[in-house]
Protein backbone atom coordinates (compact mmCIF):
# COMPACT_ATOMS: atom_id res chain seq x y z
CA ASN A 1 52.92 41.45 50.20
CA PHE A 2 55.73 44.92 50.82
CA ASN A 3 55.53 43.88 54.80
CA HIS A 4 58.28 41.73 55.14
CA THR A 5 60.96 42.56 57.83
CA LYS A 6 63.12 43.42 55.20
CA ARG A 7 62.76 44.83 51.61
CA GLY A 8 65.44 42.66 49.63
CA ILE A 9 68.68 42.77 48.17
CA ALA A 10 69.44 44.82 45.72
CA VAL A 11 72.62 43.93 43.65
CA VAL A 12 74.43 46.57 42.18
CA VAL A 13 77.63 45.53 39.51
CA VAL A 14 79.96 48.01 37.72
CA ASN A 15 82.55 47.12 35.55
CA GLU A 16 84.81 49.68 34.39
CA LYS A 17 87.72 47.40 33.17
CA PHE A 18 87.43 45.21 30.37
CA GLU A 19 90.45 43.13 29.05
CA GLY A 20 91.43 44.84 25.69
CA HIS A 21 89.32 47.76 25.78
CA SER A 22 89.84 51.72 28.03
CA LYS A 23 88.14 52.26 30.73
CA ARG A 24 84.71 53.43 30.84
CA ALA A 25 85.03 56.31 32.57
CA GLY A 26 82.03 57.63 34.53
CA ALA A 27 80.81 54.53 35.55
CA GLU A 28 81.91 54.72 38.80
CA LEU A 29 79.47 57.36 39.33
CA ASP A 30 77.18 54.95 38.16
CA ARG A 31 77.86 52.58 41.22
CA GLU A 32 77.79 55.81 43.32
CA LEU A 33 74.34 56.72 42.04
CA LEU A 34 72.82 53.21 42.42
CA SER A 35 74.11 52.10 45.29
CA TYR A 36 72.94 55.43 47.43
CA CYS A 37 69.51 55.13 45.63
CA PHE A 38 68.65 51.54 46.88
CA ARG A 39 69.63 52.05 50.20
CA SER A 40 67.60 55.28 50.43
CA ILE A 41 64.59 52.84 49.52
CA GLY A 42 66.04 49.99 52.53
CA PHE A 43 67.46 47.67 50.24
CA ASP A 44 70.35 45.50 51.50
CA VAL A 45 72.98 46.76 48.71
CA ARG A 46 75.79 44.28 47.43
CA VAL A 47 78.12 46.63 45.47
CA PHE A 48 80.70 44.29 42.80
CA THR A 49 83.12 46.54 40.60
CA ASN A 50 84.79 44.00 37.83
CA LEU A 51 83.45 40.67 38.02
CA ASN A 52 85.50 38.46 35.39
CA GLY A 53 82.56 35.58 34.20
CA PHE A 54 83.51 33.08 36.89
CA GLN A 55 83.14 35.66 39.72
CA LEU A 56 79.88 37.44 38.75
CA VAL A 57 77.47 33.81 38.41
CA THR A 58 79.47 32.86 41.81
CA GLU A 59 78.53 35.41 43.49
CA MET A 60 74.91 35.86 41.80
CA GLU A 61 74.48 32.39 43.06
CA LYS A 62 75.61 32.75 46.98
CA ILE A 63 73.19 35.75 46.81
CA ALA A 64 70.53 33.65 45.22
CA LEU A 65 70.81 30.75 48.07
CA GLU A 66 71.09 33.34 50.50
CA MET A 67 67.61 34.86 49.55
CA THR A 68 66.21 30.85 49.21
CA ARG A 69 67.57 30.22 52.89
CA ASP A 70 66.13 34.13 54.83
CA PRO A 71 63.08 34.65 52.81
CA ASP A 72 61.46 37.04 55.08
CA PHE A 73 62.14 39.97 52.39
CA ASP A 74 59.57 42.15 49.57
CA CYS A 75 61.79 41.66 46.45
CA PHE A 76 65.02 41.46 44.82
CA VAL A 77 66.96 43.75 42.70
CA PHE A 78 70.03 43.81 40.05
CA ALA A 79 71.55 46.84 38.26
CA MET A 80 74.10 46.24 35.75
CA SER A 81 76.47 49.16 34.10
CA SER A 82 78.61 47.68 32.04
CA HIS A 83 79.41 46.94 27.77
CA VAL A 84 76.66 44.84 27.07
CA GLU A 85 75.40 43.82 23.06
CA GLU A 86 72.57 42.74 22.49
CA ASP A 87 71.72 40.76 24.79
CA ILE A 88 75.07 39.59 25.91
CA ILE A 89 76.60 41.20 29.12
CA HIS A 90 80.18 41.73 29.32
CA ALA A 91 82.65 40.28 32.13
CA THR A 92 85.92 41.66 32.06
CA ASP A 93 87.15 38.67 30.48
CA GLY A 94 84.25 37.68 28.16
CA TYR A 95 80.74 37.67 28.07
CA ILE A 96 77.24 35.87 29.68
CA PRO A 97 74.07 36.00 28.21
CA THR A 98 71.60 38.18 29.93
CA GLU A 99 69.33 35.22 30.04
CA ARG A 100 71.65 33.47 32.55
CA ILE A 101 71.52 35.94 34.85
CA LEU A 102 68.39 36.36 34.97
CA GLU A 103 67.81 32.56 35.23
CA LEU A 104 69.37 32.71 38.28
CA PHE A 105 66.74 33.95 40.23
CA SER A 106 63.86 32.04 38.70
CA ASP A 107 61.48 30.67 40.88
CA GLU A 108 63.13 27.10 40.35
CA ASN A 109 66.78 28.50 41.59
CA CYS A 110 65.83 30.78 44.13
CA LYS A 111 62.69 29.47 46.31
CA GLY A 112 62.75 32.58 48.16
CA LEU A 113 61.73 34.80 45.42
CA ILE A 114 58.70 33.03 44.54
CA GLY A 115 55.71 35.40 43.92
CA LYS A 116 58.17 38.12 44.77
CA PRO A 117 59.11 40.53 41.93
CA ARG A 118 62.79 40.45 40.28
CA LEU A 119 63.82 43.62 38.77
CA PHE A 120 66.39 43.86 36.56
CA PHE A 121 68.09 47.28 35.15
CA LEU A 122 70.30 47.16 32.73
CA GLN A 123 72.61 50.16 31.54
CA ALA A 124 75.05 49.36 28.71
CA CYS A 125 74.68 49.42 24.75
CA ARG A 126 72.59 47.09 22.80
CA GLY A 127 73.75 47.55 19.39
CA ASN A 128 75.46 50.28 16.82
CA LEU A 129 72.15 52.05 15.74
CA PHE A 130 72.02 56.06 16.83
CA ASP A 131 68.33 57.19 17.77
CA ILE A 132 68.98 60.83 16.02
CA GLY A 133 65.38 61.85 18.21
CA THR A 134 62.84 64.15 16.60
CA THR A 135 80.72 71.47 26.59
CA VAL A 136 80.00 67.91 27.57
CA ILE A 137 81.28 65.28 25.76
CA ASP A 138 79.59 61.88 25.93
CA GLU A 139 80.39 58.59 25.83
CA VAL A 140 78.83 55.32 24.28
CA ASP A 141 79.00 52.03 26.39
CA SER A 142 80.02 49.91 23.30
CA ALA A 143 82.84 47.31 23.45
CA SER A 144 82.94 46.52 20.08
CA ASP A 145 81.21 46.81 16.64
CA LYS A 146 80.02 43.81 16.14
CA MET A 147 76.26 43.40 16.82
CA VAL A 148 74.84 40.40 18.40
CA ILE A 149 71.59 39.68 18.18
CA THR A 150 69.86 37.60 21.20
CA ARG A 151 66.60 38.29 22.87
CA ILE A 152 66.41 39.18 26.36
CA PRO A 153 63.94 37.18 27.90
CA CYS A 154 61.14 37.83 30.76
CA PHE A 155 59.88 36.05 33.13
CA LYS A 156 56.74 35.86 35.60
CA ASP A 157 56.95 38.43 38.56
CA TYR A 158 59.70 39.80 36.42
CA LEU A 159 60.80 43.16 34.80
CA VAL A 160 63.35 44.21 33.49
CA MET A 161 64.72 47.57 31.60
CA CYS A 162 67.41 48.55 29.85
CA ALA A 163 68.99 52.38 28.80
CA THR A 164 68.13 51.40 25.16
CA PRO A 165 65.74 49.65 22.50
CA PRO A 166 67.63 46.60 20.83
CA GLY A 167 70.36 47.87 18.49
CA PHE A 168 70.80 50.67 19.81
CA TYR A 169 73.70 52.56 21.78
CA ALA A 170 73.63 54.00 26.07
CA PHE A 171 74.98 56.83 26.57
CA ARG A 172 77.07 57.80 29.51
CA ARG A 173 78.74 61.26 30.41
CA PRO A 174 81.95 60.60 32.19
CA SER A 175 81.39 63.86 34.61
CA GLU A 176 78.00 62.64 35.68
CA GLY A 177 77.19 58.94 35.05
CA SER A 178 74.47 57.23 32.82
CA TRP A 179 71.90 59.32 31.07
CA PHE A 180 69.22 55.76 32.25
CA ILE A 181 71.23 55.68 35.43
CA ILE A 182 70.73 59.35 37.10
CA GLU A 183 67.22 59.63 35.66
CA LEU A 184 66.32 56.00 36.87
CA CYS A 185 67.46 56.84 40.52
CA ARG A 186 65.85 60.03 40.81
CA ALA A 187 62.69 58.09 39.73
CA LEU A 188 63.05 55.39 42.23
CA GLN A 189 63.93 57.55 45.14
CA LYS A 190 60.77 59.28 44.23
CA ALA A 191 58.88 55.91 44.19
CA GLY A 192 59.86 55.42 47.66
CA SER A 193 58.58 58.44 48.92
CA ASN A 194 55.42 58.81 46.98
CA GLN A 195 54.07 55.10 46.91
CA PRO A 196 52.44 54.93 43.51
CA ASN A 197 52.61 52.06 41.24
CA ILE A 198 56.39 51.78 40.69
CA LEU A 199 55.52 51.39 36.64
CA LYS A 200 54.46 54.31 36.74
CA HIS A 201 57.98 56.01 37.62
CA LEU A 202 59.66 53.96 35.11
CA ARG A 203 58.01 55.48 32.65
CA TYR A 204 58.66 58.45 33.59
CA VAL A 205 62.19 57.67 33.18
CA SER A 206 62.04 56.82 29.44
CA LYS A 207 59.80 59.98 29.13
CA CYS A 208 63.11 61.86 30.85
CA VAL A 209 66.24 60.62 29.37
CA GLY A 210 64.57 61.11 25.99
CA ARG A 211 63.26 64.66 26.72
CA ASN A 212 66.09 65.88 28.48
CA PHE A 213 69.39 64.68 27.09
CA GLU A 214 71.02 64.76 23.88
CA SER A 215 74.12 64.02 23.31
CA LYS A 216 77.60 66.72 22.67
CA SER A 217 80.55 65.01 20.98
CA GLU A 218 83.29 66.28 18.79
CA GLN A 219 83.35 63.39 16.52
CA SER A 220 79.88 64.03 14.30
CA LEU A 221 78.82 60.61 14.55
CA TYR A 222 78.01 60.48 18.33
CA ASN A 223 76.54 64.12 18.30
CA ALA A 224 72.79 65.47 18.43
CA LYS A 225 71.49 62.11 19.28
CA LYS A 226 68.71 61.08 21.78
CA GLN A 227 67.66 57.51 24.08
CA SER A 228 64.97 56.02 24.91
CA PRO A 229 64.61 53.07 27.65
CA VAL A 230 62.75 50.47 27.28
CA ILE A 231 60.65 48.09 29.41
CA TYR A 232 60.38 44.72 29.63
CA SER A 233 56.84 43.21 32.11
CA MET A 234 55.47 40.66 33.31
CA LEU A 235 54.50 41.41 36.65
CA VAL A 236 51.08 40.39 37.95
CA LYS A 237 50.64 42.77 41.05
CA ASP A 238 51.45 46.66 41.29
CA ILE A 239 54.52 47.20 43.49
CA LEU A 240 53.95 50.10 45.94
CA PHE A 241 56.75 50.91 48.04
CA ASN A 242 55.57 50.90 51.29
């Protein structure tokens, strides 16, 4: 049912600065792209920048409580651009399991979302591998060269889309933003105007990222690489932005 009074809340979290790491150049462009995109398709957008672990969990708990108290909305979106390892989100001061954030919006923890779709979009590296694929410098969203292997859970009525498959790098252009975020925002705005099933648009995101981008770097290790976003879905119905 996408006929509620409100479209819903879209959370945009962009972490640019981390203890012991350089600033993620271009991350501010991800924030602008995502904020504009979700506002343009009717969401109440909440933007957060440079949250530490406690702040991230606390702010998301507040939003889950808000949606429980006022359930007159269609769906929920969480979009984050940060450093990530597989599959651990980097807050500014440490790590949070991706599962911890997803669970905050489960049926049990956010009753206002029961029977409604939850969409999560994660821009970040998930390891140290490169996709070699079949005068811009691209950067990667990895905070260290240690790969931590866990698994992203996916619950009923959840869709989680990651910038890259498990184990692989995700690229970001300091002058334009992240490859994944650029194509995601284009696709969601089309979905908002054309109304077809959102999954069709998200599959097109994966196609466009793989087709339209190839890394260019002065370091041969990072040069001429590709990227392919991945979708985990347990949606039980189509999503049409009416």
